[in-house]
C-alpha atoms as a PDB file:
ATOM      1  CA  MET A   1      40.753 187.594 105.779  1.00  0.00           C
ATOM      2  CA  LYS A   2      38.678 184.965 103.999  1.00  0.00           C
ATOM      3  CA  GLN A   3      36.873 182.488 106.201  1.00  0.00           C
ATOM      4  CA  ARG A   4      38.255 178.940 106.411  1.00  0.00           C
ATOM      5  CA  SER A   5      37.340 176.007 108.595  1.00  0.00           C
ATOM      6  CA  LYS A   6      38.909 176.302 112.014  1.00  0.00           C
ATOM      7  CA  LYS A   7      40.829 173.050 111.541  1.00  0.00           C
ATOM      8  CA  VAL A   8      42.398 174.319 108.316  1.00  0.00           C
ATOM      9  CA  GLU A   9      43.183 177.700 109.858  1.00  0.00           C
ATOM     10  CA  ILE A  10      44.833 176.219 112.943  1.00  0.00           C
ATOM     11  CA  SER A  11      46.776 173.584 110.979  1.00  0.00           C
ATOM     12  CA  VAL A  12      48.163 176.126 108.515  1.00  0.00           C
ATOM     13  CA  PHE A  13      48.928 178.555 111.334  1.00  0.00           C
ATOM     14  CA  LEU A  14      50.900 175.986 113.324  1.00  0.00           C
ATOM     15  CA  LEU A  15      52.896 174.937 110.254  1.00  0.00           C
ATOM     16  CA  ILE A  16      53.718 178.553 109.413  1.00  0.00           C
ATOM     17  CA  MET A  17      54.825 179.207 112.992  1.00  0.00           C
ATOM     18  CA  LEU A  18      56.935 176.058 113.131  1.00  0.00           C
ATOM     19  CA  PHE A  19      58.738 176.412 109.798  1.00  0.00           C
ATOM     20  CA  TYR A  20      58.811 180.150 109.094  1.00  0.00           C
ATOM     21  CA  VAL A  21      58.202 182.315 112.163  1.00  0.00           C
ATOM     22  CA  ILE A  22      60.172 180.611 114.937  1.00  0.00           C
ATOM     23  CA  PRO A  23      63.405 179.478 113.144  1.00  0.00           C
ATOM     24  CA  PRO A  24      64.733 183.006 112.318  1.00  0.00           C
ATOM     25  CA  LEU A  25      64.726 183.828 116.040  1.00  0.00           C
ATOM     26  CA  PHE A  26      67.570 181.352 116.536  1.00  0.00           C
ATOM     27  CA  VAL A  27      69.949 182.860 113.973  1.00  0.00           C
ATOM     28  CA  PHE A  28      72.175 184.962 116.198  1.00  0.00           C
ATOM     29  CA  LYS A  29      74.970 186.194 113.945  1.00  0.00           C
ATOM     30  CA  ALA A  30      75.485 186.956 110.284  1.00  0.00           C
ATOM     31  CA  GLY A  31      78.478 185.757 108.336  1.00  0.00           C
ATOM     32  CA  GLN A  32      81.132 188.113 107.037  1.00  0.00           C
ATOM     33  CA  SER A  33      79.259 188.411 103.737  1.00  0.00           C
ATOM     34  CA  LEU A  34      75.491 188.028 103.825  1.00  0.00           C
ATOM     35  CA  PHE A  35      74.911 187.343 100.164  1.00  0.00           C
ATOM     36  CA  SER A  36      76.648 185.722  97.248  1.00  0.00           C
ATOM     37  CA  TRP A  37      74.713 186.732  94.177  1.00  0.00           C
ATOM     38  CA  ASN A  38      73.831 183.327  92.754  1.00  0.00           C
ATOM     39  CA  PHE A  39      70.334 182.353  91.672  1.00  0.00           C
ATOM     40  CA  PRO A  40      68.245 182.558  94.900  1.00  0.00           C
ATOM     41  CA  TYR A  41      66.649 179.118  94.853  1.00  0.00           C
ATOM     42  CA  ALA A  42      65.978 179.143  98.615  1.00  0.00           C
ATOM     43  CA  SER A  43      64.262 182.538  98.635  1.00  0.00           C
ATOM     44  CA  VAL A  44      62.096 181.652  95.645  1.00  0.00           C
ATOM     45  CA  LEU A  45      61.088 178.325  97.202  1.00  0.00           C
ATOM     46  CA  ILE A  46      60.213 180.059 100.476  1.00  0.00           C
ATOM     47  CA  ALA A  47      58.126 182.632  98.607  1.00  0.00           C
ATOM     48  CA  LEU A  48      56.037 180.019  96.786  1.00  0.00           C
ATOM     49  CA  PRO A  49      53.958 178.788  99.757  1.00  0.00           C
ATOM     50  CA  PHE A  50      53.209 182.388 100.668  1.00  0.00           C
ATOM     51  CA  ALA A  51      51.826 182.950  97.185  1.00  0.00           C
ATOM     52  CA  PHE A  52      49.276 180.245  98.036  1.00  0.00           C
ATOM     53  CA  ILE A  53      48.665 181.805 101.463  1.00  0.00           C
ATOM     54  CA  LEU A  54      48.015 185.139  99.779  1.00  0.00           C
ATOM     55  CA  TYR A  55      45.669 183.576  97.230  1.00  0.00           C
ATOM     56  CA  PHE A  56      43.586 181.622  99.717  1.00  0.00           C
ATOM     57  CA  PHE A  57      43.458 184.124 102.603  1.00  0.00           C
ATOM     58  CA  TYR A  58      43.764 187.621 101.139  1.00  0.00           C
ATOM     59  CA  GLU A  59      40.700 189.773 100.538  1.00  0.00           C
ATOM     60  CA  LYS A  60      41.442 192.209  97.724  1.00  0.00           C
ATOM     61  CA  ASN A  61      40.998 195.905  98.354  1.00  0.00           C
ATOM     62  CA  GLU A  62      38.292 197.710  96.376  1.00  0.00           C
ATOM     63  CA  LYS A  63      40.397 200.840  95.681  1.00  0.00           C
ATOM     64  CA  PRO A  64      41.728 201.409  92.145  1.00  0.00           C
ATOM     65  CA  PHE A  65      44.905 199.461  91.387  1.00  0.00           C
ATOM     66  CA  ILE A  66      47.105 202.492  90.618  1.00  0.00           C
ATOM     67  CA  ILE A  67      46.096 204.308  93.824  1.00  0.00           C
ATOM     68  CA  ASN A  68      46.978 201.251  95.896  1.00  0.00           C
ATOM     69  CA  TYR A  69      50.427 200.914  94.390  1.00  0.00           C
ATOM     70  CA  LEU A  70      51.272 204.619  94.569  1.00  0.00           C
ATOM     71  CA  LEU A  71      50.950 204.315  98.346  1.00  0.00           C
ATOM     72  CA  PHE A  72      54.426 202.776  98.401  1.00  0.00           C
ATOM     73  CA  LEU A  73      55.991 206.234  97.914  1.00  0.00           C
ATOM     74  CA  PRO A  74      55.228 207.762 101.343  1.00  0.00           C
ATOM     75  CA  GLN A  75      55.803 204.398 103.042  1.00  0.00           C
ATOM     76  CA  LEU A  76      59.213 204.061 101.426  1.00  0.00           C
ATOM     77  CA  GLY A  77      60.150 207.648 102.285  1.00  0.00           C
ATOM     78  CA  ILE A  78      59.347 207.214 105.972  1.00  0.00           C
ATOM     79  CA  ILE A  79      61.227 203.955 106.498  1.00  0.00           C
ATOM     80  CA  LEU A  80      64.222 205.187 104.472  1.00  0.00           C
ATOM     81  CA  ALA A  81      64.421 208.394 106.500  1.00  0.00           C
ATOM     82  CA  PHE A  82      64.394 206.433 109.763  1.00  0.00           C
ATOM     83  CA  SER A  83      66.991 203.998 108.441  1.00  0.00           C
ATOM     84  CA  PHE A  84      69.313 206.842 107.483  1.00  0.00           C
ATOM     85  CA  LEU A  85      68.932 208.318 110.964  1.00  0.00           C
ATOM     86  CA  LEU A  86      69.855 204.973 112.515  1.00  0.00           C
ATOM     87  CA  LYS A  87      72.841 204.681 110.192  1.00  0.00           C
ATOM     88  CA  PHE A  88      74.000 208.150 111.211  1.00  0.00           C
ATOM     89  CA  ALA A  89      73.582 207.248 114.901  1.00  0.00           C
ATOM     90  CA  SER A  90      75.578 204.028 114.467  1.00  0.00           C
ATOM     91  CA  VAL A  91      78.431 205.928 112.805  1.00  0.00           C
ATOM     92  CA  TYR A  92      78.316 208.831 115.286  1.00  0.00           C
ATOM     93  CA  PHE A  93      78.412 206.545 118.312  1.00  0.00           C
ATOM     94  CA  LYS A  94      80.839 204.149 116.582  1.00  0.00           C
ATOM     95  CA  LEU A  95      78.483 201.198 116.836  1.00  0.00           C
ATOM     96  CA  GLY A  96      79.114 199.663 113.434  1.00  0.00           C
ATOM     97  CA  THR A  97      77.975 196.221 112.341  1.00  0.00           C
ATOM     98  CA  GLU A  98      80.280 193.356 111.416  1.00  0.00           C
ATOM     99  CA  HIS A  99      78.510 192.162 108.289  1.00  0.00           C
ATOM    100  CA  SER A 100      79.132 193.408 104.788  1.00  0.00           C
ATOM    101  CA  ILE A 101      77.164 193.139 101.562  1.00  0.00           C
ATOM    102  CA  LEU A 102      79.020 193.261  98.271  1.00  0.00           C
ATOM    103  CA  LEU A 103      77.353 194.957  95.334  1.00  0.00           C
ATOM    104  CA  PRO A 104      76.393 192.624  92.478  1.00  0.00           C
ATOM    105  CA  PHE A 105      78.687 192.590  89.470  1.00  0.00           C
ATOM    106  CA  GLY A 106      77.273 192.248  85.977  1.00  0.00           C
ATOM    107  CA  VAL A 107      73.777 191.730  84.610  1.00  0.00           C
ATOM    108  CA  PHE A 108      73.277 188.174  85.904  1.00  0.00           C
ATOM    109  CA  GLU A 109      74.273 189.028  89.488  1.00  0.00           C
ATOM    110  CA  TRP A 110      71.987 192.075  89.457  1.00  0.00           C
ATOM    111  CA  PHE A 111      69.143 189.894  88.177  1.00  0.00           C
ATOM    112  CA  CYS A 112      69.756 187.391  90.997  1.00  0.00           C
ATOM    113  CA  CYS A 113      69.999 190.224  93.517  1.00  0.00           C
ATOM    114  CA  LEU A 114      66.722 191.827  92.452  1.00  0.00           C
ATOM    115  CA  LEU A 115      64.963 188.464  92.330  1.00  0.00           C
ATOM    116  CA  GLN A 116      66.196 187.626  95.833  1.00  0.00           C
ATOM    117  CA  PHE A 117      65.103 191.001  97.180  1.00  0.00           C
ATOM    118  CA  PHE A 118      61.674 190.661  95.569  1.00  0.00           C
ATOM    119  CA  ALA A 119      61.149 187.121  96.871  1.00  0.00           C
ATOM    120  CA  ALA A 120      62.220 188.165 100.375  1.00  0.00           C
ATOM    121  CA  ALA A 121      60.026 191.281 100.331  1.00  0.00           C
ATOM    122  CA  PHE A 122      57.076 189.233  99.079  1.00  0.00           C
ATOM    123  CA  TYR A 123      57.142 186.484 101.670  1.00  0.00           C
ATOM    124  CA  GLU A 124      58.072 188.771 104.578  1.00  0.00           C
ATOM    125  CA  GLU A 125      55.204 191.153 103.840  1.00  0.00           C
ATOM    126  CA  VAL A 126      52.716 188.329 103.379  1.00  0.00           C
ATOM    127  CA  LEU A 127      53.948 186.590 106.525  1.00  0.00           C
ATOM    128  CA  TYR A 128      54.566 189.436 108.990  1.00  0.00           C
ATOM    129  CA  ARG A 129      52.305 192.262 107.816  1.00  0.00           C
ATOM    130  CA  PHE A 130      49.361 190.226 106.608  1.00  0.00           C
ATOM    131  CA  TYR A 131      49.073 186.575 107.564  1.00  0.00           C
ATOM    132  CA  LEU A 132      50.534 186.394 111.087  1.00  0.00           C
ATOM    133  CA  PRO A 133      48.789 189.412 112.662  1.00  0.00           C
ATOM    134  CA  GLU A 134      45.529 188.930 110.769  1.00  0.00           C
ATOM    135  CA  GLN A 135      45.351 185.249 111.677  1.00  0.00           C
ATOM    136  CA  LEU A 136      46.080 185.993 115.331  1.00  0.00           C
ATOM    137  CA  LEU A 137      43.355 188.654 115.321  1.00  0.00           C
ATOM    138  CA  ASN A 138      41.011 186.142 113.743  1.00  0.00           C
ATOM    139  CA  PHE A 139      41.300 184.008 116.875  1.00  0.00           C
ATOM    140  CA  THR A 140      39.887 186.704 119.173  1.00  0.00           C
ATOM    141  CA  LYS A 141      37.333 189.504 119.371  1.00  0.00           C
ATOM    142  CA  SER A 142      39.004 191.178 122.347  1.00  0.00           C
ATOM    143  CA  LYS A 143      40.573 194.575 121.540  1.00  0.00           C
ATOM    144  CA  ALA A 144      43.079 194.207 124.378  1.00  0.00           C
ATOM    145  CA  LEU A 145      44.171 190.770 123.206  1.00  0.00           C
ATOM    146  CA  GLY A 146      44.215 192.046 119.634  1.00  0.00           C
ATOM    147  CA  PHE A 147      46.675 194.774 120.635  1.00  0.00           C
ATOM    148  CA  ILE A 148      48.884 192.171 122.329  1.00  0.00           C
ATOM    149  CA  PHE A 149      48.811 190.069 119.149  1.00  0.00           C
ATOM    150  CA  GLU A 150      49.921 193.108 117.132  1.00  0.00           C
ATOM    151  CA  ILE A 151      52.876 193.561 119.498  1.00  0.00           C
ATOM    152  CA  ILE A 152      53.729 189.862 119.226  1.00  0.00           C
ATOM    153  CA  SER A 153      53.770 190.106 115.422  1.00  0.00           C
ATOM    154  CA  LEU A 154      56.026 193.159 115.641  1.00  0.00           C
ATOM    155  CA  LEU A 155      58.449 191.363 117.960  1.00  0.00           C
ATOM    156  CA  PHE A 156      58.625 188.290 115.736  1.00  0.00           C
ATOM    157  CA  PHE A 157      59.563 190.425 112.735  1.00  0.00           C
ATOM    158  CA  ALA A 158      61.975 192.671 114.627  1.00  0.00           C
ATOM    159  CA  PHE A 159      63.893 189.868 116.348  1.00  0.00           C
ATOM    160  CA  ALA A 160      64.072 187.857 113.136  1.00  0.00           C
ATOM    161  CA  HIS A 161      66.684 190.522 112.253  1.00  0.00           C
ATOM    162  CA  LEU A 162      68.721 190.094 115.431  1.00  0.00           C
ATOM    163  CA  TYR A 163      71.529 188.388 113.499  1.00  0.00           C
ATOM    164  CA  LEU A 164      72.172 191.761 111.833  1.00  0.00           C
ATOM    165  CA  GLY A 165      72.581 193.590 115.150  1.00  0.00           C
ATOM    166  CA  VAL A 166      70.541 195.730 117.549  1.00  0.00           C
ATOM    167  CA  PHE A 167      70.168 198.615 115.101  1.00  0.00           C
ATOM    168  CA  SER A 168      68.570 196.262 112.571  1.00  0.00           C
ATOM    169  CA  VAL A 169      66.078 195.086 115.197  1.00  0.00           C
ATOM    170  CA  ILE A 170      65.105 198.714 115.909  1.00  0.00           C
ATOM    171  CA  ASN A 171      64.920 199.502 112.210  1.00  0.00           C
ATOM    172  CA  ALA A 172      62.785 196.435 111.501  1.00  0.00           C
ATOM    173  CA  ALA A 173      60.443 197.279 114.394  1.00  0.00           C
ATOM    174  CA  PHE A 174      59.904 200.800 113.067  1.00  0.00           C
ATOM    175  CA  ALA A 175      59.360 199.551 109.505  1.00  0.00           C
ATOM    176  CA  HIS A 176      56.834 197.012 110.770  1.00  0.00           C
ATOM    177  CA  ILE A 177      54.837 199.697 112.597  1.00  0.00           C
ATOM    178  CA  VAL A 178      54.707 201.931 109.509  1.00  0.00           C
ATOM    179  CA  LEU A 179      53.858 199.178 107.040  1.00  0.00           C
ATOM    180  CA  ARG A 180      51.368 197.418 109.301  1.00  0.00           C
ATOM    181  CA  PHE A 181      49.607 200.732 109.949  1.00  0.00           C
ATOM    182  CA  CYS A 182      49.422 201.344 106.191  1.00  0.00           C
ATOM    183  CA  PHE A 183      48.035 197.863 105.602  1.00  0.00           C
ATOM    184  CA  LYS A 184      45.347 198.374 108.234  1.00  0.00           C
ATOM    185  CA  LYS A 185      44.405 201.680 106.586  1.00  0.00           C
ATOM    186  CA  ASN A 186      44.307 200.646 102.933  1.00  0.00           C
ATOM    187  CA  GLY A 187      44.459 196.831 102.875  1.00  0.00           C
ATOM    188  CA  CYS A 188      46.938 196.795  99.982  1.00  0.00           C
ATOM    189  CA  ILE A 189      49.697 194.202 100.314  1.00  0.00           C
ATOM    190  CA  GLY A 190      51.151 195.177  96.932  1.00  0.00           C
ATOM    191  CA  SER A 191      52.259 198.627  98.068  1.00  0.00           C
ATOM    192  CA  LEU A 192      53.996 197.070 101.075  1.00  0.00           C
ATOM    193  CA  ILE A 193      55.888 194.629  98.862  1.00  0.00           C
ATOM    194  CA  ALA A 194      56.937 197.480  96.566  1.00  0.00           C
ATOM    195  CA  SER A 195      58.119 199.589  99.531  1.00  0.00           C
ATOM    196  CA  HIS A 196      60.044 196.684 101.051  1.00  0.00           C
ATOM    197  CA  PHE A 197      61.657 195.695  97.752  1.00  0.00           C
ATOM    198  CA  LEU A 198      62.772 199.230  96.873  1.00  0.00           C
ATOM    199  CA  TYR A 199      63.999 199.802 100.422  1.00  0.00           C
ATOM    200  CA  ASN A 200      66.253 196.753 100.133  1.00  0.00           C
ATOM    201  CA  VAL A 201      67.619 197.897  96.778  1.00  0.00           C
ATOM    202  CA  ILE A 202      68.271 201.474  97.944  1.00  0.00           C
ATOM    203  CA  SER A 203      69.820 200.248 101.198  1.00  0.00           C
ATOM    204  CA  LEU A 204      72.181 197.966  99.272  1.00  0.00           C
ATOM    205  CA  ILE A 205      73.419 200.874  97.181  1.00  0.00           C
ATOM    206  CA  LEU A 206      73.455 203.698  99.742  1.00  0.00           C
ATOM    207  CA  LEU A 207      73.720 202.066 103.179  1.00  0.00           C
END
């Protein structure tokens, strides 16, 4: 993570926590239909500040571009496999969820759907896999405290999905572990965004 003045770092961190990290924890239940496929103004507007966060804080990886982005394939495979297992368990034990997501109809709705999924994948990866854990780690040199900060980041992401049910919290926690591990290994945020985006699209169609 690029070095900033401590005042700037702390100010930005507190604003991000206040407006983006904490509020999702207080959404307890989804509506009957999670999405209506209109133009996703809210998701796009949320994604914009994280584009600036990425620009000002992200240190680009030195690996070739194509190698970085091909890393999304194993990441996507692992989180999809786990998600399918959870889906099977929920059906087998009759622990279904109450929400439903209707497939988009027509070219415009599919465009809005894909744009919404991309915006969501972008800001969630920048926020939960990059900015939040890396900024927390930047505040300490202790390995023990660093591990606790990693767990805190995981819990924030997982419980931001509580409104979708317990299985979604478990699924999100597993996805976070996989994607965060991959980020720590290769430093490529782009492959995480690609994995997240394609996971959302495949889940919409198959799950």
